[in-house]
């Protein structure tokens, strides 16, 4: 019988696939606009959505 994959684990597998099987690249993923970016590590994120928005705004301000 096949083992069922949880949605979080499925996201992790997709991220590993997207980074060509390089696990370190999943952690370093620069595509923060990706809808599954927060879940890329295979765990529920501890960061809140408003904190992510603040981080993105800070990043944009400091790039200029």
Protein backbone atom coordinates (compact mmCIF):
# COMPACT_ATOMS: atom_id res chain seq x y z
CA UNK A 1 0.00 0.00 0.00
CA UNK A 2 1.24 3.50 -0.85
CA UNK A 3 1.92 5.94 1.95
CA UNK A 4 -0.14 9.09 1.73
CA UNK A 5 1.71 12.38 1.45
CA UNK A 6 0.55 15.34 3.49
CA UNK A 7 -0.02 18.68 1.76
CA UNK A 8 2.99 20.20 3.54
CA UNK A 9 5.23 17.34 2.40
CA UNK A 10 3.88 17.69 -1.13
CA UNK A 11 4.86 21.36 -1.09
CA UNK A 12 8.34 20.43 0.09
CA UNK A 13 8.67 17.91 -2.74
CA UNK A 14 7.57 20.55 -5.25
CA UNK A 15 10.17 23.00 -3.91
CA UNK A 16 12.91 20.37 -4.10
CA UNK A 17 11.85 19.64 -7.67
CA UNK A 18 11.83 23.35 -8.53
CA UNK A 19 15.38 23.71 -7.18
CA UNK A 20 16.59 20.76 -9.25
CA UNK A 21 16.94 18.47 -6.24
CA UNK A 22 19.30 20.82 -4.39
CA UNK A 23 18.10 20.93 -0.79
CA UNK A 24 20.26 23.92 0.10
CA UNK A 25 18.67 25.87 -2.75
CA UNK A 26 15.22 25.33 -1.24
CA UNK A 27 16.35 27.12 1.92
CA UNK A 28 17.96 29.92 -0.11
CA UNK A 29 15.04 30.28 -2.52
CA UNK A 30 14.79 33.93 -3.63
CA UNK A 31 11.28 33.62 -5.10
CA UNK A 32 9.43 35.11 -2.12
CA UNK A 33 6.45 35.94 -4.35
CA UNK A 34 5.77 32.22 -4.79
CA UNK A 35 2.51 31.28 -3.03
CA UNK A 36 4.13 28.25 -1.38
CA UNK A 37 7.40 29.98 -0.38
CA UNK A 38 6.49 30.10 3.32
CA UNK A 39 5.95 26.33 3.34
CA UNK A 40 9.08 25.36 1.36
CA UNK A 41 10.85 23.83 4.37
CA UNK A 42 8.14 21.21 4.83
CA UNK A 43 6.78 22.70 8.05
CA UNK A 44 4.13 25.19 8.96
CA UNK A 45 5.71 28.63 9.06
CA UNK A 46 6.01 30.49 12.35
CA UNK A 47 6.08 33.84 10.58
CA UNK A 48 2.82 35.74 10.28
CA UNK A 49 1.61 37.18 7.00
CA UNK A 50 1.99 40.78 8.17
CA UNK A 51 5.61 40.10 9.15
CA UNK A 52 6.30 38.82 5.64
CA UNK A 53 4.80 41.99 4.14
CA UNK A 54 7.00 44.10 6.42
CA UNK A 55 10.09 42.13 5.33
CA UNK A 56 9.26 42.65 1.64
CA UNK A 57 8.70 46.38 2.18
CA UNK A 58 12.01 46.68 4.04
CA UNK A 59 13.79 44.82 1.26
CA UNK A 60 12.31 47.13 -1.42
CA UNK A 61 13.23 50.26 0.57
CA UNK A 62 16.81 49.16 1.04
CA UNK A 63 17.38 48.14 -2.59
CA UNK A 64 17.05 51.73 -3.79
